[in-house]
Amino acid sequence: MNLHEYQAKRLLAEEGVPVPRGIAAFSLREAITQARELGGPKWVVKAQIHAGGRGKAGGVRVVDSMAALEQAAQDLLGKPLVTEQTGPQGRHVAALLIEEPSAIARELYLAALVDRSHARITFLAAAEGGMEIEDLARDRPEALQRVIVDPLIGLQPFQARRLGFALGLDAGQVQQLTRIMQGLYRLLLRMDALVVEVNPLALTREGRLLALDAKIVMDDNALYRHPESDELFDSTQQDPREITARQFGLNYISLDGNIGCMVNGAGLAMATMDLIKLHGGDPANFLDVGGGAAADKVTQAFKLILSDQRVKAILVNIFGGITRCDLLAAGIIKAAEEVGLNLPVVVRLEGTNKEEGERLLAASGLTLISASGLTDAAVKAVAAARG
């Protein structure tokens, strides 16, 4: 689960990480009120969405008058902001962060993350902040500094000092960096986060290190341990289908293609999407109905796919084990009756109760395309989507 910048900065401040003074606003009136409360001749108006590239898209503006602030708030609030990461549909701006400006001398990059390749928490840092870290890692990987933390002893001060001197900081600034890294480490552990990123970490003209932007990604699998996550969750930043899927315990992610996928098992779902791409198609979603899915759950999964108007064909790929093939077939039939099925559906069933599932589908009167294997199913789904 992604957090907004203003939420991430509040959590960082709780761990002693310095952030600029700022207040979230959810209406034009609040934006004006918050700016007056902050005081000063200038403010930074920052659109709050779960995507990067806001600055290039006009979602971060420095204003030097109340009239300019009001205009910026009117331009952003309640409208979609399109960035390089949002796609053409953009993301709805429901909140702004009104913040005091900072006099920046240098910009650095700093992040704490779960590094699965090392099975450790790892810090990444670079002397060049404010840019996409993926671009830096691709174009100049030698510019990235890494600190791998031993889970038995935690982050050690000498590791932070070594990193600070590698970034070209002086002794006083290295002490600040040490405290900031310790704060990021504590926060990542406390929130069960996958990533705590500060980009940029600014060095001001006064010699202070300041978290100018912040990103936190919490582990969805650990949200049950964080009841406060309900307040942090922003439904405006997600596809409505993904929200519905969460309510029914389905793993659903909306994509940009036109072939709906319903699969049991995350690995099989990934393989299914890979094969669709291999044979020239584009999956419309990732959808794992999971193990032990009841007929009602399968019905809801089918409704999710059918609610996407971009979908031109559906590929059902089930390996029956915990989720029996006849149970899935019953769910497909029920969903078709409730929603109305007018799209080609390719079905590949293997495993427990395969024959019974195929018998139920054959007797349902639905127009289905049977597939004998995974590759055959992908090829037929791509062909069906092309009409």
Protein backbone atom coordinates (compact mmCIF):
# COMPACT_ATOMS: atom_id res chain seq x y z
CA MET A 1 0.00 0.00 0.00
CA ASN A 2 1.35 3.39 -1.01
CA LEU A 3 1.22 6.41 1.26
CA HIS A 4 0.93 10.04 0.24
CA GLU A 5 3.86 12.39 0.72
CA TYR A 6 2.20 14.26 3.58
CA GLN A 7 1.49 10.97 5.37
CA ALA A 8 5.05 9.72 4.83
CA LYS A 9 6.55 12.98 6.11
CA ARG A 10 4.44 12.84 9.25
CA LEU A 11 5.74 9.35 9.97
CA LEU A 12 9.31 10.42 9.23
CA ALA A 13 9.00 13.36 11.61
CA GLU A 14 7.83 10.98 14.34
CA GLU A 15 11.19 9.21 13.98
CA GLY A 16 13.17 12.43 14.19
CA VAL A 17 13.80 12.87 10.45
CA PRO A 18 13.77 16.60 9.59
CA VAL A 19 11.11 17.62 7.06
CA PRO A 20 9.97 21.06 5.85
CA ARG A 21 7.03 22.63 7.66
CA GLY A 22 3.90 21.72 5.76
CA ILE A 23 0.18 21.09 6.17
CA ALA A 24 -2.19 18.97 4.06
CA ALA A 25 -5.22 20.66 2.49
CA PHE A 26 -8.31 18.98 1.04
CA SER A 27 -10.15 22.03 -0.27
CA LEU A 28 -9.42 25.48 -1.66
CA ARG A 29 -10.40 27.10 1.63
CA GLU A 30 -8.08 24.79 3.57
CA ALA A 31 -5.20 25.53 1.18
CA ILE A 32 -5.53 29.26 1.85
CA THR A 33 -5.89 28.73 5.60
CA GLN A 34 -2.85 26.44 5.77
CA ALA A 35 -0.71 28.91 3.82
CA ARG A 36 -1.64 31.69 6.20
CA GLU A 37 -0.83 29.47 9.16
CA LEU A 38 2.60 28.66 7.73
CA GLY A 39 3.24 32.33 7.02
CA GLY A 40 6.02 33.67 4.81
CA PRO A 41 6.08 35.23 1.34
CA LYS A 42 6.30 31.96 -0.63
CA TRP A 43 4.82 28.47 -0.54
CA VAL A 44 5.20 25.19 -2.39
CA VAL A 45 1.91 23.66 -3.56
CA LYS A 46 2.28 19.90 -4.12
CA ALA A 47 -0.41 17.64 -5.58
CA GLN A 48 -0.79 14.44 -3.57
CA ILE A 49 -1.04 11.37 -5.80
CA HIS A 50 0.47 7.91 -5.73
CA ALA A 51 2.83 8.46 -8.65
CA GLY A 52 6.15 10.09 -9.40
CA GLY A 53 6.98 12.76 -11.96
CA ARG A 54 4.66 15.35 -10.40
CA GLY A 55 7.09 18.22 -10.85
CA LYS A 56 7.48 17.73 -14.61
CA ALA A 57 3.68 17.46 -14.94
CA GLY A 58 2.96 20.73 -13.15
CA GLY A 59 1.91 19.10 -9.91
CA VAL A 60 4.53 20.93 -7.82
CA ARG A 61 4.44 24.72 -7.95
CA VAL A 62 6.26 27.48 -6.06
CA VAL A 63 3.99 30.50 -5.58
CA ASP A 64 4.81 33.93 -4.17
CA SER A 65 1.37 35.36 -3.49
CA MET A 66 -1.96 34.28 -2.05
CA ALA A 67 -3.59 34.83 -5.44
CA ALA A 68 -1.07 32.52 -7.12
CA LEU A 69 -1.58 29.91 -4.41
CA GLU A 70 -5.35 30.06 -4.87
CA GLN A 71 -4.94 29.65 -8.63
CA ALA A 72 -2.60 26.68 -8.21
CA ALA A 73 -5.03 25.00 -5.81
CA GLN A 74 -7.92 25.54 -8.22
CA ASP A 75 -5.86 24.10 -11.09
CA LEU A 76 -4.97 20.93 -9.18
CA LEU A 77 -7.67 19.99 -6.68
CA GLY A 78 -10.38 17.65 -7.91
CA LYS A 79 -8.72 17.08 -11.27
CA PRO A 80 -6.58 14.27 -12.72
CA LEU A 81 -2.84 14.83 -12.87
CA VAL A 82 -1.12 13.01 -15.73
CA THR A 83 2.54 12.09 -15.20
CA GLU A 84 4.97 9.66 -16.79
CA GLN A 85 3.90 7.04 -14.25
CA THR A 86 0.11 7.45 -14.26
CA GLY A 87 -0.73 6.64 -17.86
CA PRO A 88 -3.00 8.89 -19.96
CA GLN A 89 -5.90 8.65 -17.48
CA GLY A 90 -3.87 10.34 -14.72
CA ARG A 91 -4.53 10.21 -10.97
CA HIS A 92 -7.22 12.16 -9.13
CA VAL A 93 -5.89 14.96 -6.90
CA ALA A 94 -7.92 14.96 -3.69
CA ALA A 95 -5.30 16.60 -1.46
CA LEU A 96 -2.51 19.16 -1.58
CA LEU A 97 0.53 19.64 0.62
CA ILE A 98 1.17 23.32 1.34
CA GLU A 99 4.79 23.59 2.38
CA GLU A 100 7.40 26.22 3.14
CA PRO A 101 10.13 26.49 0.47
CA SER A 102 13.72 25.45 1.18
CA ALA A 103 17.00 26.99 0.05
CA ILE A 104 18.70 24.00 -1.58
CA ALA A 105 22.45 23.70 -2.09
CA ARG A 106 22.58 20.01 -3.08
CA GLU A 107 20.16 17.16 -3.67
CA LEU A 108 20.90 13.58 -2.57
CA TYR A 109 19.02 10.30 -2.81
CA LEU A 110 18.41 7.99 0.17
CA ALA A 111 16.18 4.96 0.62
CA ALA A 112 15.79 1.98 2.94
CA LEU A 113 14.21 -1.06 1.35
CA VAL A 114 13.71 -4.79 1.62
CA ASP A 115 16.34 -6.30 -0.68
CA ARG A 116 15.09 -9.76 -1.57
CA SER A 117 18.29 -10.68 -3.41
CA HIS A 118 20.25 -10.36 -0.15
CA ALA A 119 17.35 -11.17 2.23
CA ARG A 120 18.33 -8.02 4.10
CA ILE A 121 17.26 -4.45 4.63
CA THR A 122 19.46 -2.37 2.36
CA PHE A 123 20.13 1.36 2.10
CA LEU A 124 20.61 2.91 -1.32
CA ALA A 125 22.11 6.36 -1.65
CA ALA A 126 23.42 8.60 -4.40
CA ALA A 127 25.04 12.03 -4.57
CA GLU A 128 22.48 12.97 -7.24
CA GLY A 129 18.92 13.22 -5.94
CA GLY A 130 15.73 14.47 -7.52
CA MET A 131 15.94 12.10 -10.48
CA GLU A 132 14.40 8.69 -11.05
CA ILE A 133 16.58 6.17 -9.28
CA GLU A 134 15.75 3.58 -11.95
CA ASP A 135 17.38 5.81 -14.57
CA LEU A 136 20.49 6.27 -12.46
CA ALA A 137 20.76 2.55 -11.72
CA ARG A 138 20.49 1.79 -15.43
CA ASP A 139 22.74 4.51 -16.84
CA ARG A 140 25.34 4.91 -14.06
CA PRO A 141 25.11 2.03 -11.58
CA GLU A 142 28.50 2.94 -10.11
CA ALA A 143 26.94 6.14 -8.72
CA LEU A 144 24.75 4.13 -6.33
CA GLN A 145 26.08 3.46 -2.83
CA ARG A 146 24.77 0.45 -0.88
CA VAL A 147 24.68 -0.45 2.81
CA ILE A 148 23.44 -3.93 3.70
CA VAL A 149 22.16 -4.25 7.27
CA ASP A 150 22.75 -7.36 9.36
CA PRO A 151 19.34 -8.16 10.92
CA LEU A 152 20.94 -9.45 14.11
CA ILE A 153 22.67 -6.20 15.02
CA GLY A 154 20.75 -3.63 12.98
CA LEU A 155 22.08 -0.51 11.30
CA GLN A 156 25.43 0.50 12.77
CA PRO A 157 26.64 4.13 13.03
CA PHE A 158 29.89 3.32 11.22
CA GLN A 159 27.87 2.19 8.19
CA ALA A 160 26.06 5.52 8.06
CA ARG A 161 29.32 7.45 8.52
CA ARG A 162 31.00 5.55 5.72
CA LEU A 163 28.05 6.26 3.45
CA GLY A 164 28.00 9.94 4.37
CA PHE A 165 31.67 10.49 3.55
CA ALA A 166 31.18 8.61 0.26
CA LEU A 167 28.46 11.15 -0.59
CA GLY A 168 30.89 14.03 0.03
CA LEU A 169 29.35 15.29 3.29
CA ASP A 170 31.38 16.96 6.03
CA ALA A 171 31.58 15.66 9.62
CA GLY A 172 28.58 17.61 10.89
CA GLN A 173 26.44 16.60 7.94
CA VAL A 174 27.48 12.96 8.37
CA GLN A 175 26.15 13.08 11.94
CA GLN A 176 22.83 14.35 10.59
CA LEU A 177 22.76 11.61 7.97
CA THR A 178 23.40 8.99 10.65
CA ARG A 179 20.36 10.13 12.62
CA ILE A 180 18.24 10.23 9.45
CA MET A 181 19.25 6.71 8.42
CA GLN A 182 18.49 5.40 11.90
CA GLY A 183 15.07 7.04 11.67
CA LEU A 184 14.38 5.45 8.27
CA TYR A 185 15.46 2.07 9.61
CA ARG A 186 13.17 2.30 12.65
CA LEU A 187 10.27 3.45 10.49
CA LEU A 188 10.68 0.66 7.96
CA LEU A 189 10.57 -1.90 10.77
CA ARG A 190 7.72 -0.24 12.65
CA MET A 191 5.45 0.07 9.61
CA ASP A 192 6.37 -3.25 7.97
CA ALA A 193 7.33 -1.17 4.95
CA LEU A 194 8.90 -2.46 1.77
CA VAL A 195 10.38 0.94 0.85
CA VAL A 196 11.03 4.18 2.72
CA GLU A 197 12.45 6.62 0.17
CA VAL A 198 13.61 10.23 0.48
CA ASN A 199 14.15 11.78 -2.94
CA PRO A 200 15.51 14.31 -2.78
CA LEU A 201 17.28 14.48 0.54
CA ALA A 202 18.26 18.13 0.37
CA LEU A 203 21.33 19.77 1.80
CA THR A 204 20.25 23.35 2.47
CA ARG A 205 22.45 26.42 2.23
CA GLU A 206 22.53 26.47 6.03
CA GLY A 207 24.08 22.97 6.01
CA ARG A 208 20.95 21.09 7.16
CA LEU A 209 19.78 17.81 5.70
CA LEU A 210 16.06 17.88 4.96
CA ALA A 211 13.64 15.30 3.50
CA LEU A 212 12.08 17.31 0.67
CA ASP A 213 10.00 14.42 -0.67
CA ALA A 214 9.10 11.06 0.83
CA LYS A 215 7.60 7.80 -0.32
CA ILE A 216 6.54 4.83 1.78
CA VAL A 217 5.24 1.52 0.49
CA MET A 218 3.75 -0.77 3.13
CA ASP A 219 3.61 -4.54 2.73
CA ASP A 220 -0.01 -5.49 1.98
CA ASN A 221 0.56 -8.85 3.65
CA ALA A 222 1.29 -7.09 6.96
CA LEU A 223 -1.60 -4.62 6.95
CA TYR A 224 -3.54 -6.77 9.40
CA ARG A 225 -0.95 -5.75 12.00
CA HIS A 226 -1.60 -2.06 11.34
CA PRO A 227 -5.18 -0.97 12.04
CA GLU A 228 -4.05 2.59 11.38
CA SER A 229 -3.60 1.64 7.71
CA ASP A 230 -7.35 2.06 7.20
CA GLU A 231 -6.93 5.79 7.80
CA LEU A 232 -3.86 5.95 5.56
CA PHE A 233 -5.57 4.18 2.63
CA ASP A 234 -6.78 6.51 -0.16
CA SER A 235 -9.41 4.88 -2.35
CA THR A 236 -9.22 7.72 -4.91
CA GLN A 237 -5.77 6.49 -5.97
CA GLN A 238 -6.86 2.99 -6.94
CA ASP A 239 -8.92 1.44 -9.67
CA PRO A 240 -12.43 0.81 -8.21
CA ARG A 241 -12.12 -2.81 -9.32
CA GLU A 242 -9.01 -3.22 -7.18
CA ILE A 243 -10.90 -1.90 -4.16
CA THR A 244 -13.76 -4.34 -4.81
CA ALA A 245 -11.24 -7.16 -5.17
CA ARG A 246 -9.78 -6.38 -1.74
CA GLN A 247 -13.22 -6.67 -0.19
CA PHE A 248 -13.61 -10.20 -1.56
CA GLY A 249 -10.05 -11.32 -0.83
CA LEU A 250 -9.02 -11.41 -4.48
CA ASN A 251 -5.59 -10.46 -5.81
CA TYR A 252 -6.43 -8.13 -8.70
CA ILE A 253 -4.33 -5.54 -10.51
CA SER A 254 -5.70 -3.61 -13.47
CA LEU A 255 -3.51 -3.44 -16.59
CA ASP A 256 -3.82 -1.78 -20.00
CA GLY A 257 -4.57 -4.74 -22.27
CA ASN A 258 -7.76 -6.30 -23.62
CA ILE A 259 -7.51 -9.97 -22.53
CA GLY A 260 -9.05 -10.61 -19.14
CA CYS A 261 -7.28 -13.28 -17.09
CA MET A 262 -8.65 -15.41 -14.27
CA VAL A 263 -6.13 -17.81 -12.79
CA ASN A 264 -5.58 -19.63 -9.50
CA GLY A 265 -2.09 -19.08 -8.14
CA ALA A 266 0.16 -16.04 -8.52
CA GLY A 267 2.92 -17.93 -10.32
CA LEU A 268 0.53 -19.43 -12.83
CA ALA A 269 -1.07 -16.01 -13.32
CA MET A 270 2.32 -14.47 -14.15
CA ALA A 271 3.13 -17.30 -16.54
CA THR A 272 -0.27 -16.86 -18.21
CA MET A 273 0.33 -13.16 -18.77
CA ASP A 274 3.83 -13.84 -20.09
CA LEU A 275 2.46 -16.30 -22.65
CA ILE A 276 -0.22 -13.86 -23.75
CA LYS A 277 2.50 -11.26 -24.36
CA LEU A 278 4.69 -13.83 -26.09
CA HIS A 279 1.95 -14.56 -28.61
CA GLY A 280 1.22 -10.91 -29.36
CA GLY A 281 -1.56 -10.11 -26.90
CA ASP A 282 -1.93 -7.78 -23.92
CA PRO A 283 -3.40 -8.88 -20.57
CA ALA A 284 -6.06 -6.58 -19.09
CA ASN A 285 -5.41 -7.64 -15.54
CA PHE A 286 -3.64 -9.83 -13.05
CA LEU A 287 -6.26 -11.84 -11.17
CA ASP A 288 -5.46 -14.66 -8.78
CA VAL A 289 -8.58 -16.20 -7.24
CA GLY A 290 -6.39 -18.05 -4.75
CA GLY A 291 -6.75 -21.46 -3.24
CA GLY A 292 -9.99 -22.77 -1.85
CA ALA A 293 -12.11 -20.17 -3.65
CA ALA A 294 -15.85 -20.65 -3.20
CA ALA A 295 -18.26 -20.26 -6.09
CA ASP A 296 -19.33 -16.78 -4.90
CA LYS A 297 -15.71 -15.64 -4.85
CA VAL A 298 -15.18 -16.94 -8.36
CA THR A 299 -18.36 -15.16 -9.45
CA GLN A 300 -17.06 -11.86 -8.10
CA ALA A 301 -13.76 -12.42 -9.90
CA PHE A 302 -15.59 -12.97 -13.17
CA LYS A 303 -17.68 -9.83 -12.61
CA LEU A 304 -14.50 -7.80 -12.09
CA ILE A 305 -13.19 -8.87 -15.48
CA LEU A 306 -16.49 -8.23 -17.23
CA SER A 307 -16.73 -4.73 -15.69
CA ASP A 308 -13.66 -3.65 -17.68
CA GLN A 309 -14.98 -2.33 -20.99
CA ARG A 310 -11.56 -2.73 -22.63
CA VAL A 311 -11.75 -6.52 -22.33
CA LYS A 312 -12.40 -8.23 -25.67
CA ALA A 313 -11.77 -11.83 -24.59
CA ILE A 314 -11.32 -13.77 -21.36
CA LEU A 315 -8.80 -16.49 -20.57
CA VAL A 316 -9.67 -18.79 -17.67
CA ASN A 317 -6.65 -20.88 -16.68
CA ILE A 318 -7.19 -23.17 -13.71
CA PHE A 319 -5.01 -25.91 -12.31
CA GLY A 320 -7.38 -27.71 -9.98
CA GLY A 321 -6.01 -28.54 -6.56
CA ILE A 322 -7.41 -26.71 -3.60
CA THR A 323 -9.64 -24.81 -6.04
CA ARG A 324 -11.58 -27.58 -7.77
CA CYS A 325 -12.38 -27.26 -11.45
CA ASP A 326 -16.09 -27.96 -10.94
CA LEU A 327 -16.26 -25.18 -8.33
CA LEU A 328 -14.74 -22.71 -10.75
CA ALA A 329 -17.09 -23.83 -13.51
CA ALA A 330 -20.08 -23.18 -11.23
CA GLY A 331 -18.75 -19.69 -10.54
CA ILE A 332 -18.34 -18.92 -14.24
CA ILE A 333 -21.89 -20.06 -14.97
CA LYS A 334 -23.34 -18.03 -12.10
CA ALA A 335 -21.44 -14.90 -13.14
CA ALA A 336 -22.53 -15.29 -16.76
CA GLU A 337 -26.15 -15.54 -15.70
CA GLU A 338 -25.96 -12.48 -13.42
CA VAL A 339 -23.89 -10.19 -15.65
CA GLY A 340 -24.64 -11.35 -19.16
CA LEU A 341 -21.80 -12.87 -21.12
CA ASN A 342 -21.20 -11.62 -24.65
CA LEU A 343 -17.43 -12.07 -24.92
CA PRO A 344 -15.42 -15.07 -26.12
CA VAL A 345 -14.11 -17.11 -23.20
CA VAL A 346 -11.16 -19.48 -23.53
CA VAL A 347 -11.08 -22.12 -20.79
CA ARG A 348 -8.23 -24.37 -19.82
CA LEU A 349 -8.94 -26.73 -16.92
CA GLU A 350 -6.51 -29.21 -15.45
CA GLY A 351 -6.47 -31.12 -12.20
CA THR A 352 -9.06 -32.03 -9.59
CA ASN A 353 -12.58 -32.62 -10.97
CA LYS A 354 -11.57 -31.51 -14.46
CA GLU A 355 -14.10 -33.74 -16.16
CA GLU A 356 -16.95 -32.57 -13.92
CA GLY A 357 -16.03 -28.95 -14.56
CA GLU A 358 -15.98 -29.45 -18.30
CA ARG A 359 -19.34 -31.26 -18.13
CA LEU A 360 -20.92 -28.37 -16.23
CA LEU A 361 -19.63 -25.82 -18.72
CA ALA A 362 -20.73 -27.89 -21.71
CA ALA A 363 -24.24 -28.25 -20.26
CA SER A 364 -24.53 -24.53 -19.42
CA GLY A 365 -25.23 -23.39 -22.97
CA LEU A 366 -22.39 -20.86 -22.79
CA THR A 367 -20.26 -20.33 -25.88
CA LEU A 368 -16.78 -21.33 -24.71
CA ILE A 369 -13.48 -22.07 -26.45
CA SER A 370 -11.78 -25.12 -24.98
CA ALA A 371 -7.98 -25.23 -24.78
CA SER A 372 -5.85 -28.33 -24.35
CA GLY A 373 -2.82 -26.67 -22.80
CA LEU A 374 -1.41 -23.34 -21.58
CA THR A 375 0.17 -22.34 -24.89
CA ASP A 376 -2.95 -23.36 -26.80
CA ALA A 377 -5.06 -21.28 -24.41
CA ALA A 378 -2.88 -18.19 -24.84
CA VAL A 379 -2.89 -18.48 -28.65
CA LYS A 380 -6.68 -18.86 -28.75
CA ALA A 381 -7.22 -15.96 -26.35
CA VAL A 382 -5.07 -13.63 -28.46
CA ALA A 383 -6.94 -14.67 -31.59
CA ALA A 384 -10.32 -14.19 -29.91
CA ALA A 385 -9.37 -10.69 -28.71
CA ARG A 386 -8.47 -9.72 -32.26
CA GLY A 387 -11.91 -10.78 -33.38
